[in-house]
Amino acid sequence: MSKPEWFSVLLALTGLSLMTLNFSNLTEVNNGDALILVTAICVAYHILLTPFARKISTITLVAIQMFVISILATIVAIMRDSLWFPTNEPSIVWITLFVTAVLASAFAFLSQTFAQKNGVSTTNVALIFSLEPVFALFIDIMIGVLPSVQGFIGMSFIFLGMIITSFKAINHVKQ
């Protein structure tokens, strides 16, 4: 990675930290924050491995990814004794499951894998993923929940990281 890319990743990581950490009590870690950290490490590992899978067809790779996710999620659900199958639930539950599984998961993996196979760098993909909490913050603002100054600064750092890598990508294409 180039220096601007490393700087962008550092900005995004700092921004995520500002948006999620409670700096007044660093000795206490929320379970959700710990889970997000583990998830971020797994996603980073996944993103770094994607270029090695360029020899496999996109559809095959996404099918394998979704299968592995299904197995791991089932194992976790069994371990937590929370395996649930909506047999007598209203149709909205099934619609929600379908949208979450197909659009949010399969389409996201398909888009990411396709983009990386066609030249989008792993750094750009990682930074795009880091925008997720920024969008959540925008939704909060739209429903009337204003961010803290710390959260707003964090969001700005993530956007700045995206802008830096975008300019680097634009300059690379022009050359």
Protein backbone atom coordinates (compact mmCIF):
# COMPACT_ATOMS: atom_id res chain seq x y z
CA MET A 1 0.00 0.00 0.00
CA SER A 2 1.13 3.53 -0.70
CA LYS A 3 1.61 6.22 1.94
CA PRO A 4 -1.71 7.94 1.09
CA GLU A 5 -3.51 4.60 1.43
CA TRP A 6 -1.90 3.92 4.83
CA PHE A 7 -2.82 7.43 5.93
CA SER A 8 -6.41 6.88 4.75
CA VAL A 9 -6.65 3.62 6.68
CA LEU A 10 -5.26 5.34 9.78
CA LEU A 11 -7.82 8.15 9.40
CA ALA A 12 -10.67 5.66 9.00
CA LEU A 13 -9.51 3.63 12.00
CA THR A 14 -9.24 6.79 14.10
CA GLY A 15 -12.69 7.87 12.91
CA LEU A 16 -14.21 4.50 13.79
CA SER A 17 -12.58 4.71 17.22
CA LEU A 18 -13.99 8.19 17.79
CA MET A 19 -17.44 7.01 16.76
CA THR A 20 -17.52 3.88 18.92
CA LEU A 21 -15.24 4.19 21.94
CA ASN A 22 -16.06 5.84 25.24
CA PHE A 23 -12.79 7.58 26.07
CA SER A 24 -13.93 8.57 29.56
CA ASN A 25 -13.88 4.91 30.66
CA LEU A 26 -11.38 2.91 28.61
CA THR A 27 -11.17 0.12 31.20
CA GLU A 28 -14.69 -0.99 30.33
CA VAL A 29 -15.33 -2.57 26.95
CA ASN A 30 -18.90 -3.10 25.81
CA ASN A 31 -19.72 -6.59 24.55
CA GLY A 32 -21.01 -5.08 21.33
CA ASP A 33 -17.77 -3.15 20.76
CA ALA A 34 -15.71 -6.30 21.37
CA LEU A 35 -17.88 -8.20 18.89
CA ILE A 36 -17.47 -5.39 16.35
CA LEU A 37 -13.68 -5.53 16.80
CA VAL A 38 -13.62 -9.30 16.18
CA THR A 39 -15.91 -8.82 13.18
CA ALA A 40 -13.66 -6.06 11.79
CA ILE A 41 -10.62 -8.33 12.07
CA CYS A 42 -12.48 -11.12 10.25
CA VAL A 43 -13.69 -8.75 7.52
CA ALA A 44 -10.15 -7.38 7.09
CA TYR A 45 -8.82 -10.92 6.73
CA HIS A 46 -11.58 -11.69 4.23
CA ILE A 47 -10.80 -8.57 2.19
CA LEU A 48 -7.09 -9.38 2.12
CA LEU A 49 -7.77 -12.93 0.90
CA THR A 50 -10.16 -11.89 -1.88
CA PRO A 51 -7.44 -11.08 -4.44
CA PHE A 52 -6.09 -14.63 -4.07
CA ALA A 53 -9.47 -15.95 -5.16
CA ARG A 54 -9.39 -14.21 -8.54
CA LYS A 55 -8.98 -17.58 -10.27
CA ILE A 56 -12.40 -18.76 -9.05
CA SER A 57 -15.60 -17.58 -10.69
CA THR A 58 -17.37 -14.81 -8.78
CA ILE A 59 -20.60 -16.79 -8.36
CA THR A 60 -18.75 -19.88 -7.08
CA LEU A 61 -16.76 -17.83 -4.62
CA VAL A 62 -19.85 -16.03 -3.30
CA ALA A 63 -21.68 -19.36 -2.96
CA ILE A 64 -18.78 -20.73 -0.91
CA GLN A 65 -18.70 -17.58 1.23
CA MET A 66 -22.44 -17.71 1.92
CA PHE A 67 -22.22 -21.42 2.76
CA VAL A 68 -19.40 -20.83 5.25
CA ILE A 69 -21.29 -17.93 6.82
CA SER A 70 -24.42 -20.08 7.13
CA ILE A 71 -22.51 -22.89 8.85
CA LEU A 72 -20.68 -20.55 11.24
CA ALA A 73 -23.87 -18.63 12.09
CA THR A 74 -25.68 -21.91 12.78
CA ILE A 75 -22.87 -23.08 15.07
CA VAL A 76 -22.98 -19.80 17.01
CA ALA A 77 -26.78 -19.96 17.26
CA ILE A 78 -26.60 -23.52 18.61
CA MET A 79 -23.85 -22.57 21.10
CA ARG A 80 -25.91 -19.64 22.35
CA ASP A 81 -29.05 -21.76 22.44
CA SER A 82 -30.74 -19.24 20.19
CA LEU A 83 -31.40 -21.28 17.06
CA TRP A 84 -34.82 -20.19 15.87
CA PHE A 85 -36.89 -20.99 12.82
CA PRO A 86 -39.91 -18.75 12.11
CA THR A 87 -42.63 -21.34 11.50
CA ASN A 88 -45.71 -19.48 12.71
CA GLU A 89 -44.50 -15.96 12.17
CA PRO A 90 -46.19 -13.26 10.06
CA SER A 91 -45.02 -12.83 6.49
CA ILE A 92 -43.04 -9.70 7.40
CA VAL A 93 -40.54 -11.91 9.25
CA TRP A 94 -39.96 -13.98 6.11
CA ILE A 95 -39.67 -10.84 3.97
CA THR A 96 -37.14 -9.41 6.41
CA LEU A 97 -35.12 -12.63 6.39
CA PHE A 98 -35.15 -12.69 2.59
CA VAL A 99 -34.06 -9.05 2.26
CA THR A 100 -31.33 -9.52 4.85
CA ALA A 101 -30.03 -12.76 3.36
CA VAL A 102 -30.27 -11.93 -0.32
CA LEU A 103 -29.84 -8.19 -0.61
CA ALA A 104 -27.75 -7.31 2.42
CA SER A 105 -25.51 -10.37 2.43
CA ALA A 106 -25.36 -12.15 -0.92
CA PHE A 107 -25.54 -8.97 -3.02
CA ALA A 108 -22.91 -7.27 -0.86
CA PHE A 109 -20.51 -10.21 -1.19
CA LEU A 110 -21.21 -10.46 -4.92
CA SER A 111 -20.58 -6.74 -5.43
CA GLN A 112 -17.39 -6.76 -3.38
CA THR A 113 -15.98 -9.87 -5.04
CA PHE A 114 -16.86 -8.63 -8.53
CA ALA A 115 -15.30 -5.22 -7.85
CA GLN A 116 -12.09 -6.67 -6.45
CA LYS A 117 -11.77 -9.11 -9.33
CA ASN A 118 -12.06 -6.16 -11.70
CA GLY A 119 -9.40 -3.92 -10.22
CA VAL A 120 -10.78 -2.19 -7.10
CA SER A 121 -8.04 -2.27 -4.48
CA THR A 122 -8.45 -4.00 -1.14
CA THR A 123 -7.78 -0.65 0.55
CA ASN A 124 -10.72 0.98 -1.22
CA VAL A 125 -13.00 -1.94 -0.33
CA ALA A 126 -11.95 -1.74 3.33
CA LEU A 127 -12.55 2.01 3.42
CA ILE A 128 -15.95 1.59 1.80
CA PHE A 129 -16.84 -0.91 4.52
CA SER A 130 -15.71 1.60 7.13
CA LEU A 131 -18.43 3.96 5.90
CA GLU A 132 -21.16 1.75 7.42
CA PRO A 133 -21.23 3.55 10.78
CA VAL A 134 -21.20 6.88 8.94
CA PHE A 135 -24.41 5.91 7.16
CA ALA A 136 -25.86 4.79 10.49
CA LEU A 137 -24.99 8.22 11.89
CA PHE A 138 -26.73 9.91 8.94
CA ILE A 139 -29.84 7.85 9.65
CA ASP A 140 -29.66 8.92 13.30
CA ILE A 141 -29.52 12.54 12.17
CA MET A 142 -32.49 12.03 9.82
CA ILE A 143 -34.61 10.66 12.68
CA GLY A 144 -33.59 13.48 14.98
CA VAL A 145 -30.75 11.95 17.03
CA LEU A 146 -27.81 14.33 16.83
CA PRO A 147 -24.28 12.93 17.06
CA SER A 148 -21.80 13.95 19.70
CA VAL A 149 -18.90 16.20 18.67
CA GLN A 150 -16.66 13.14 19.01
CA GLY A 151 -18.93 11.13 16.67
CA PHE A 152 -19.06 13.95 14.13
CA ILE A 153 -15.25 14.27 14.13
CA GLY A 154 -14.97 10.50 13.69
CA MET A 155 -17.37 10.59 10.75
CA SER A 156 -15.32 13.42 9.20
CA PHE A 157 -12.09 11.41 9.55
CA ILE A 158 -13.65 8.45 7.72
CA PHE A 159 -14.87 10.72 4.90
CA LEU A 160 -11.44 12.33 4.65
CA GLY A 161 -9.83 8.89 4.34
CA MET A 162 -12.25 8.04 1.52
CA ILE A 163 -11.53 11.32 -0.25
CA ILE A 164 -7.76 10.79 -0.09
CA THR A 165 -7.94 7.30 -1.61
CA SER A 166 -10.47 8.49 -4.19
CA PHE A 167 -8.11 11.23 -5.37
CA LYS A 168 -5.26 8.73 -5.49
CA ALA A 169 -7.42 6.40 -7.60
CA ILE A 170 -8.46 9.26 -9.93
CA ASN A 171 -4.83 10.35 -10.37
CA HIS A 172 -3.82 6.72 -11.07
CA VAL A 173 -6.49 6.42 -13.79
CA LYS A 174 -5.40 9.73 -15.39
CA GLN A 175 -1.81 8.47 -15.66
